[in-house]
Amino acid sequence: MHQDPFCRLTLRTLKDQPLTDLALLLFCFNPASVFFTTAYTESLYTAFSFLGLWLLPGKHWGAVSAFLAASATRSNGAL
């Protein structure tokens, strides 16, 4: 069982271990991953977005708050 929050979220959504592993690899080795290693708002936006997706099934207001924070972090977050 993966301890990474992204893997747990993907496994909860897809309910398939091989697809979860593939999603993790695609997320780690995508061309835009350079933005996750620098002081840039992309990391904070991604963290808020994943938090919103994690809270969406049970805590709707928490998910709304996380998505609002993500939208406030990036100018294209509302899209």
PDB file of N, CA and C in Angstrom:
ATOM      1  N   MET A   1       0.848  -1.188   0.000  1.00  0.00           N
ATOM      2  CA  MET A   1       0.000   0.000   0.000  1.00  0.00           C
ATOM      3  C   MET A   1       0.882   1.236   0.000  1.00  0.00           C
ATOM      4  N   HIS A   2       0.606   2.156  -0.886  1.00  0.00           N
ATOM      5  CA  HIS A   2       1.368   3.391  -0.974  1.00  0.00           C
ATOM      6  C   HIS A   2       0.966   4.330   0.158  1.00  0.00           C
ATOM      7  N   GLN A   3       1.933   5.072   0.667  1.00  0.00           N
ATOM      8  CA  GLN A   3       1.670   6.050   1.713  1.00  0.00           C
ATOM      9  C   GLN A   3       1.560   7.461   1.142  1.00  0.00           C
ATOM     10  N   ASP A   4       1.892   7.635  -0.114  1.00  0.00           N
ATOM     11  CA  ASP A   4       1.838   8.936  -0.756  1.00  0.00           C
ATOM     12  C   ASP A   4       0.384   9.379  -0.920  1.00  0.00           C
ATOM     13  N   PRO A   5       0.043  10.623  -0.544  1.00  0.00           N
ATOM     14  CA  PRO A   5      -1.351  11.076  -0.671  1.00  0.00           C
ATOM     15  C   PRO A   5      -1.865  11.043  -2.107  1.00  0.00           C
ATOM     16  N   PHE A   6      -1.008  11.347  -3.075  1.00  0.00           N
ATOM     17  CA  PHE A   6      -1.435  11.283  -4.467  1.00  0.00           C
ATOM     18  C   PHE A   6      -1.820   9.864  -4.859  1.00  0.00           C
ATOM     19  N   CYS A   7      -1.041   8.886  -4.418  1.00  0.00           N
ATOM     20  CA  CYS A   7      -1.357   7.485  -4.728  1.00  0.00           C
ATOM     21  C   CYS A   7      -2.638   7.046  -4.036  1.00  0.00           C
ATOM     22  N   ARG A   8      -2.827   7.452  -2.799  1.00  0.00           N
ATOM     23  CA  ARG A   8      -4.057   7.082  -2.097  1.00  0.00           C
ATOM     24  C   ARG A   8      -5.275   7.709  -2.746  1.00  0.00           C
ATOM     25  N   LEU A   9      -5.164   8.964  -3.171  1.00  0.00           N
ATOM     26  CA  LEU A   9      -6.272   9.634  -3.846  1.00  0.00           C
ATOM     27  C   LEU A   9      -6.577   8.958  -5.177  1.00  0.00           C
ATOM     28  N   THR A  10      -5.542   8.633  -5.940  1.00  0.00           N
ATOM     29  CA  THR A  10      -5.741   7.980  -7.230  1.00  0.00           C
ATOM     30  C   THR A  10      -6.297   6.576  -7.054  1.00  0.00           C
ATOM     31  N   LEU A  11      -5.806   5.855  -6.070  1.00  0.00           N
ATOM     32  CA  LEU A  11      -6.318   4.509  -5.832  1.00  0.00           C
ATOM     33  C   LEU A  11      -7.769   4.555  -5.385  1.00  0.00           C
ATOM     34  N   ARG A  12      -8.132   5.545  -4.575  1.00  0.00           N
ATOM     35  CA  ARG A  12      -9.523   5.680  -4.147  1.00  0.00           C
ATOM     36  C   ARG A  12     -10.427   6.044  -5.321  1.00  0.00           C
ATOM     37  N   THR A  13      -9.897   6.802  -6.272  1.00  0.00           N
ATOM     38  CA  THR A  13     -10.691   7.213  -7.427  1.00  0.00           C
ATOM     39  C   THR A  13     -10.780   6.121  -8.475  1.00  0.00           C
ATOM     40  N   LEU A  14      -9.648   5.538  -8.844  1.00  0.00           N
ATOM     41  CA  LEU A  14      -9.613   4.560  -9.927  1.00  0.00           C
ATOM     42  C   LEU A  14      -9.867   3.125  -9.483  1.00  0.00           C
ATOM     43  N   LYS A  15      -9.537   2.816  -8.228  1.00  0.00           N
ATOM     44  CA  LYS A  15      -9.688   1.473  -7.664  1.00  0.00           C
ATOM     45  C   LYS A  15      -8.953   0.410  -8.485  1.00  0.00           C
ATOM     46  N   ASP A  16      -7.761   0.768  -8.964  1.00  0.00           N
ATOM     47  CA  ASP A  16      -6.955  -0.143  -9.760  1.00  0.00           C
ATOM     48  C   ASP A  16      -5.481   0.172  -9.513  1.00  0.00           C
ATOM     49  N   GLN A  17      -4.741  -0.772  -8.961  1.00  0.00           N
ATOM     50  CA  GLN A  17      -3.350  -0.539  -8.590  1.00  0.00           C
ATOM     51  C   GLN A  17      -2.448  -0.246  -9.791  1.00  0.00           C
ATOM     52  N   PRO A  18      -2.540  -0.996 -10.903  1.00  0.00           N
ATOM     53  CA  PRO A  18      -1.656  -0.658 -12.031  1.00  0.00           C
ATOM     54  C   PRO A  18      -1.910   0.748 -12.602  1.00  0.00           C
ATOM     55  N   LEU A  19      -3.160   1.180 -12.656  1.00  0.00           N
ATOM     56  CA  LEU A  19      -3.449   2.534 -13.129  1.00  0.00           C
ATOM     57  C   LEU A  19      -2.942   3.587 -12.150  1.00  0.00           C
ATOM     58  N   THR A  20      -2.987   3.268 -10.872  1.00  0.00           N
ATOM     59  CA  THR A  20      -2.453   4.183  -9.861  1.00  0.00           C
ATOM     60  C   THR A  20      -0.950   4.358 -10.034  1.00  0.00           C
ATOM     61  N   ASP A  21      -0.244   3.264 -10.255  1.00  0.00           N
ATOM     62  CA  ASP A  21       1.202   3.350 -10.474  1.00  0.00           C
ATOM     63  C   ASP A  21       1.532   4.124 -11.747  1.00  0.00           C
ATOM     64  N   LEU A  22       0.744   3.914 -12.802  1.00  0.00           N
ATOM     65  CA  LEU A  22       0.959   4.639 -14.046  1.00  0.00           C
ATOM     66  C   LEU A  22       0.696   6.135 -13.864  1.00  0.00           C
ATOM     67  N   ALA A  23      -0.355   6.477 -13.123  1.00  0.00           N
ATOM     68  CA  ALA A  23      -0.656   7.888 -12.870  1.00  0.00           C
ATOM     69  C   ALA A  23       0.468   8.550 -12.084  1.00  0.00           C
ATOM     70  N   LEU A  24       1.035   7.838 -11.119  1.00  0.00           N
ATOM     71  CA  LEU A  24       2.152   8.387 -10.349  1.00  0.00           C
ATOM     72  C   LEU A  24       3.363   8.626 -11.243  1.00  0.00           C
ATOM     73  N   LEU A  25       3.673   7.684 -12.117  1.00  0.00           N
ATOM     74  CA  LEU A  25       4.807   7.852 -13.018  1.00  0.00           C
ATOM     75  C   LEU A  25       4.580   9.013 -13.991  1.00  0.00           C
ATOM     76  N   LEU A  26       3.371   9.118 -14.527  1.00  0.00           N
ATOM     77  CA  LEU A  26       3.083  10.218 -15.448  1.00  0.00           C
ATOM     78  C   LEU A  26       3.135  11.574 -14.750  1.00  0.00           C
ATOM     79  N   PHE A  27       2.713  11.613 -13.486  1.00  0.00           N
ATOM     80  CA  PHE A  27       2.772  12.868 -12.742  1.00  0.00           C
ATOM     81  C   PHE A  27       4.220  13.260 -12.434  1.00  0.00           C
ATOM     82  N   CYS A  28       5.036  12.288 -12.094  1.00  0.00           N
ATOM     83  CA  CYS A  28       6.428  12.588 -11.728  1.00  0.00           C
ATOM     84  C   CYS A  28       7.298  12.946 -12.924  1.00  0.00           C
ATOM     85  N   PHE A  29       7.045  12.329 -14.058  1.00  0.00           N
ATOM     86  CA  PHE A  29       7.916  12.519 -15.220  1.00  0.00           C
ATOM     87  C   PHE A  29       7.243  13.303 -16.342  1.00  0.00           C
ATOM     88  N   ASN A  30       6.349  14.214 -15.984  1.00  0.00           N
ATOM     89  CA  ASN A  30       5.750  15.040 -17.025  1.00  0.00           C
ATOM     90  C   ASN A  30       6.662  16.220 -17.331  1.00  0.00           C
ATOM     91  N   PRO A  31       6.522  16.831 -18.500  1.00  0.00           N
ATOM     92  CA  PRO A  31       7.419  17.938 -18.864  1.00  0.00           C
ATOM     93  C   PRO A  31       7.310  19.158 -17.946  1.00  0.00           C
ATOM     94  N   ALA A  32       6.185  19.336 -17.276  1.00  0.00           N
ATOM     95  CA  ALA A  32       6.009  20.500 -16.407  1.00  0.00           C
ATOM     96  C   ALA A  32       6.485  20.248 -14.979  1.00  0.00           C
ATOM     97  N   SER A  33       7.087  19.109 -14.718  1.00  0.00           N
ATOM     98  CA  SER A  33       7.499  18.804 -13.342  1.00  0.00           C
ATOM     99  C   SER A  33       8.624  19.714 -12.854  1.00  0.00           C
ATOM    100  N   VAL A  34       9.293  20.425 -13.749  1.00  0.00           N
ATOM    101  CA  VAL A  34      10.326  21.364 -13.329  1.00  0.00           C
ATOM    102  C   VAL A  34       9.725  22.478 -12.472  1.00  0.00           C
ATOM    103  N   PHE A  35       8.456  22.796 -12.680  1.00  0.00           N
ATOM    104  CA  PHE A  35       7.813  23.844 -11.893  1.00  0.00           C
ATOM    105  C   PHE A  35       7.526  23.400 -10.461  1.00  0.00           C
ATOM    106  N   PHE A  36       7.496  22.096 -10.211  1.00  0.00           N
ATOM    107  CA  PHE A  36       7.262  21.600  -8.858  1.00  0.00           C
ATOM    108  C   PHE A  36       8.524  21.657  -8.002  1.00  0.00           C
ATOM    109  N   THR A  37       9.668  21.861  -8.609  1.00  0.00           N
ATOM    110  CA  THR A  37      10.927  21.879  -7.859  1.00  0.00           C
ATOM    111  C   THR A  37      11.451  23.291  -7.619  1.00  0.00           C
ATOM    112  N   THR A  38      10.748  24.294  -8.099  1.00  0.00           N
ATOM    113  CA  THR A  38      11.199  25.675  -7.918  1.00  0.00           C
ATOM    114  C   THR A  38      10.217  26.433  -7.021  1.00  0.00           C
ATOM    115  N   ALA A  39      10.610  27.619  -6.638  1.00  0.00           N
ATOM    116  CA  ALA A  39       9.725  28.462  -5.831  1.00  0.00           C
ATOM    117  C   ALA A  39       8.708  29.100  -6.764  1.00  0.00           C
ATOM    118  N   TYR A  40       7.649  28.380  -7.034  1.00  0.00           N
ATOM    119  CA  TYR A  40       6.632  28.791  -7.994  1.00  0.00           C
ATOM    120  C   TYR A  40       5.281  28.385  -7.433  1.00  0.00           C
ATOM    121  N   THR A  41       4.216  29.023  -7.850  1.00  0.00           N
ATOM    122  CA  THR A  41       2.904  28.761  -7.262  1.00  0.00           C
ATOM    123  C   THR A  41       2.276  27.462  -7.736  1.00  0.00           C
ATOM    124  N   GLU A  42       2.876  26.797  -8.695  1.00  0.00           N
ATOM    125  CA  GLU A  42       2.305  25.553  -9.218  1.00  0.00           C
ATOM    126  C   GLU A  42       2.219  24.470  -8.144  1.00  0.00           C
ATOM    127  N   SER A  43       3.223  24.379  -7.281  1.00  0.00           N
ATOM    128  CA  SER A  43       3.207  23.372  -6.218  1.00  0.00           C
ATOM    129  C   SER A  43       2.080  23.622  -5.223  1.00  0.00           C
ATOM    130  N   LEU A  44       1.899  24.860  -4.835  1.00  0.00           N
ATOM    131  CA  LEU A  44       0.833  25.207  -3.902  1.00  0.00           C
ATOM    132  C   LEU A  44      -0.538  24.986  -4.539  1.00  0.00           C
ATOM    133  N   TYR A  45      -0.673  25.343  -5.807  1.00  0.00           N
ATOM    134  CA  TYR A  45      -1.921  25.108  -6.526  1.00  0.00           C
ATOM    135  C   TYR A  45      -2.240  23.614  -6.588  1.00  0.00           C
ATOM    136  N   THR A  46      -1.242  22.797  -6.874  1.00  0.00           N
ATOM    137  CA  THR A  46      -1.444  21.350  -6.946  1.00  0.00           C
ATOM    138  C   THR A  46      -1.815  20.788  -5.587  1.00  0.00           C
ATOM    139  N   ALA A  47      -1.174  21.247  -4.538  1.00  0.00           N
ATOM    140  CA  ALA A  47      -1.489  20.764  -3.194  1.00  0.00           C
ATOM    141  C   ALA A  47      -2.931  21.102  -2.811  1.00  0.00           C
ATOM    142  N   PHE A  48      -3.355  22.336  -3.065  1.00  0.00           N
ATOM    143  CA  PHE A  48      -4.743  22.709  -2.768  1.00  0.00           C
ATOM    144  C   PHE A  48      -5.736  21.929  -3.625  1.00  0.00           C
ATOM    145  N   SER A  49      -5.395  21.698  -4.884  1.00  0.00           N
ATOM    146  CA  SER A  49      -6.287  20.939  -5.764  1.00  0.00           C
ATOM    147  C   SER A  49      -6.430  19.501  -5.301  1.00  0.00           C
ATOM    148  N   PHE A  50      -5.321  18.873  -4.933  1.00  0.00           N
ATOM    149  CA  PHE A  50      -5.383  17.491  -4.437  1.00  0.00           C
ATOM    150  C   PHE A  50      -6.143  17.417  -3.118  1.00  0.00           C
ATOM    151  N   LEU A  51      -5.956  18.425  -2.257  1.00  0.00           N
ATOM    152  CA  LEU A  51      -6.700  18.460  -1.003  1.00  0.00           C
ATOM    153  C   LEU A  51      -8.195  18.582  -1.270  1.00  0.00           C
ATOM    154  N   GLY A  52      -8.573  19.428  -2.214  1.00  0.00           N
ATOM    155  CA  GLY A  52      -9.979  19.556  -2.566  1.00  0.00           C
ATOM    156  C   GLY A  52     -10.557  18.266  -3.111  1.00  0.00           C
ATOM    157  N   LEU A  53      -9.808  17.575  -3.947  1.00  0.00           N
ATOM    158  CA  LEU A  53     -10.276  16.292  -4.470  1.00  0.00           C
ATOM    159  C   LEU A  53     -10.385  15.243  -3.372  1.00  0.00           C
ATOM    160  N   TRP A  54      -9.457  15.301  -2.407  1.00  0.00           N
ATOM    161  CA  TRP A  54      -9.482  14.348  -1.302  1.00  0.00           C
ATOM    162  C   TRP A  54     -10.702  14.577  -0.408  1.00  0.00           C
ATOM    163  N   LEU A  55     -11.065  15.829  -0.185  1.00  0.00           N
ATOM    164  CA  LEU A  55     -12.177  16.161   0.703  1.00  0.00           C
ATOM    165  C   LEU A  55     -13.538  16.121   0.015  1.00  0.00           C
ATOM    166  N   LEU A  56     -13.571  16.046  -1.291  1.00  0.00           N
ATOM    167  CA  LEU A  56     -14.813  16.155  -2.044  1.00  0.00           C
ATOM    168  C   LEU A  56     -15.869  15.108  -1.693  1.00  0.00           C
ATOM    169  N   PRO A  57     -15.549  13.829  -1.503  1.00  0.00           N
ATOM    170  CA  PRO A  57     -16.615  12.860  -1.219  1.00  0.00           C
ATOM    171  C   PRO A  57     -17.348  13.079   0.105  1.00  0.00           C
ATOM    172  N   GLY A  58     -16.692  13.585   1.136  1.00  0.00           N
ATOM    173  CA  GLY A  58     -17.357  13.671   2.427  1.00  0.00           C
ATOM    174  C   GLY A  58     -17.533  15.066   2.989  1.00  0.00           C
ATOM    175  N   LYS A  59     -16.543  15.897   2.819  1.00  0.00           N
ATOM    176  CA  LYS A  59     -16.556  17.234   3.423  1.00  0.00           C
ATOM    177  C   LYS A  59     -16.630  18.269   2.312  1.00  0.00           C
ATOM    178  N   HIS A  60     -17.837  18.577   1.885  1.00  0.00           N
ATOM    179  CA  HIS A  60     -18.023  19.451   0.732  1.00  0.00           C
ATOM    180  C   HIS A  60     -17.516  20.864   0.975  1.00  0.00           C
ATOM    181  N   TRP A  61     -17.750  21.419   2.167  1.00  0.00           N
ATOM    182  CA  TRP A  61     -17.302  22.791   2.430  1.00  0.00           C
ATOM    183  C   TRP A  61     -15.791  22.866   2.546  1.00  0.00           C
ATOM    184  N   GLY A  62     -15.177  21.820   3.054  1.00  0.00           N
ATOM    185  CA  GLY A  62     -13.716  21.778   3.068  1.00  0.00           C
ATOM    186  C   GLY A  62     -13.143  21.719   1.667  1.00  0.00           C
ATOM    187  N   ALA A  63     -13.807  20.947   0.796  1.00  0.00           N
ATOM    188  CA  ALA A  63     -13.373  20.863  -0.597  1.00  0.00           C
ATOM    189  C   ALA A  63     -13.548  22.207  -1.298  1.00  0.00           C
ATOM    190  N   VAL A  64     -14.665  22.870  -1.043  1.00  0.00           N
ATOM    191  CA  VAL A  64     -14.892  24.193  -1.642  1.00  0.00           C
ATOM    192  C   VAL A  64     -13.818  25.172  -1.182  1.00  0.00           C
ATOM    193  N   SER A  65     -13.480  25.131   0.094  1.00  0.00           N
ATOM    194  CA  SER A  65     -12.432  26.018   0.622  1.00  0.00           C
ATOM    195  C   SER A  65     -11.082  25.734  -0.025  1.00  0.00           C
ATOM    196  N   ALA A  66     -10.766  24.451  -0.200  1.00  0.00           N
ATOM    197  CA  ALA A  66      -9.491  24.097  -0.831  1.00  0.00           C
ATOM    198  C   ALA A  66      -9.461  24.530  -2.295  1.00  0.00           C
ATOM    199  N   PHE A  67     -10.566  24.353  -3.004  1.00  0.00           N
ATOM    200  CA  PHE A  67     -10.613  24.782  -4.400  1.00  0.00           C
ATOM    201  C   PHE A  67     -10.567  26.311  -4.520  1.00  0.00           C
ATOM    202  N   LEU A  68     -11.172  27.021  -3.580  1.00  0.00           N
ATOM    203  CA  LEU A  68     -11.066  28.485  -3.581  1.00  0.00           C
ATOM    204  C   LEU A  68      -9.636  28.941  -3.328  1.00  0.00           C
ATOM    205  N   ALA A  69      -8.953  28.250  -2.408  1.00  0.00           N
ATOM    206  CA  ALA A  69      -7.545  28.579  -2.151  1.00  0.00           C
ATOM    207  C   ALA A  69      -6.692  28.287  -3.384  1.00  0.00           C
ATOM    208  N   ALA A  70      -7.000  27.196  -4.088  1.00  0.00           N
ATOM    209  CA  ALA A  70      -6.268  26.887  -5.315  1.00  0.00           C
ATOM    210  C   ALA A  70      -6.520  27.950  -6.379  1.00  0.00           C
ATOM    211  N   SER A  71      -7.756  28.403  -6.487  1.00  0.00           N
ATOM    212  CA  SER A  71      -8.084  29.437  -7.464  1.00  0.00           C
ATOM    213  C   SER A  71      -7.408  30.765  -7.124  1.00  0.00           C
ATOM    214  N   ALA A  72      -7.265  31.048  -5.837  1.00  0.00           N
ATOM    215  CA  ALA A  72      -6.591  32.281  -5.426  1.00  0.00           C
ATOM    216  C   ALA A  72      -5.085  32.202  -5.628  1.00  0.00           C
ATOM    217  N   THR A  73      -4.546  31.010  -5.693  1.00  0.00           N
ATOM    218  CA  THR A  73      -3.115  30.828  -5.841  1.00  0.00           C
ATOM    219  C   THR A  73      -2.642  31.072  -7.277  1.00  0.00           C
ATOM    220  N   ARG A  74      -3.423  30.614  -8.230  1.00  0.00           N
ATOM    221  CA  ARG A  74      -3.043  30.757  -9.636  1.00  0.00           C
ATOM    222  C   ARG A  74      -4.108  31.543 -10.388  1.00  0.00           C
ATOM    223  N   SER A  75      -3.709  32.341 -11.330  1.00  0.00           N
ATOM    224  CA  SER A  75      -4.666  33.147 -12.061  1.00  0.00           C
ATOM    225  C   SER A  75      -5.573  32.300 -12.943  1.00  0.00           C
ATOM    226  N   ASN A  76      -5.086  31.160 -13.412  1.00  0.00           N
ATOM    227  CA  ASN A  76      -5.915  30.284 -14.231  1.00  0.00           C
ATOM    228  C   ASN A  76      -6.612  29.211 -13.416  1.00  0.00           C
ATOM    229  N   GLY A  77      -6.612  29.335 -12.102  1.00  0.00           N
ATOM    230  CA  GLY A  77      -7.231  28.334 -11.237  1.00  0.00           C
ATOM    231  C   GLY A  77      -8.741  28.260 -11.364  1.00  0.00           C
ATOM    232  N   ALA A  78      -9.379  29.334 -11.749  1.00  0.00           N
ATOM    233  CA  ALA A  78     -10.830  29.338 -11.896  1.00  0.00           C
ATOM    234  C   ALA A  78     -11.274  28.570 -13.128  1.00  0.00           C
ATOM    235  N   LEU A  79     -10.380  28.360 -14.068  1.00  0.00           N
ATOM    236  CA  LEU A  79     -10.735  27.621 -15.276  1.00  0.00           C
ATOM    237  C   LEU A  79     -10.864  26.154 -14.954  1.00  0.00           C
TER     238      LEU A  79
END
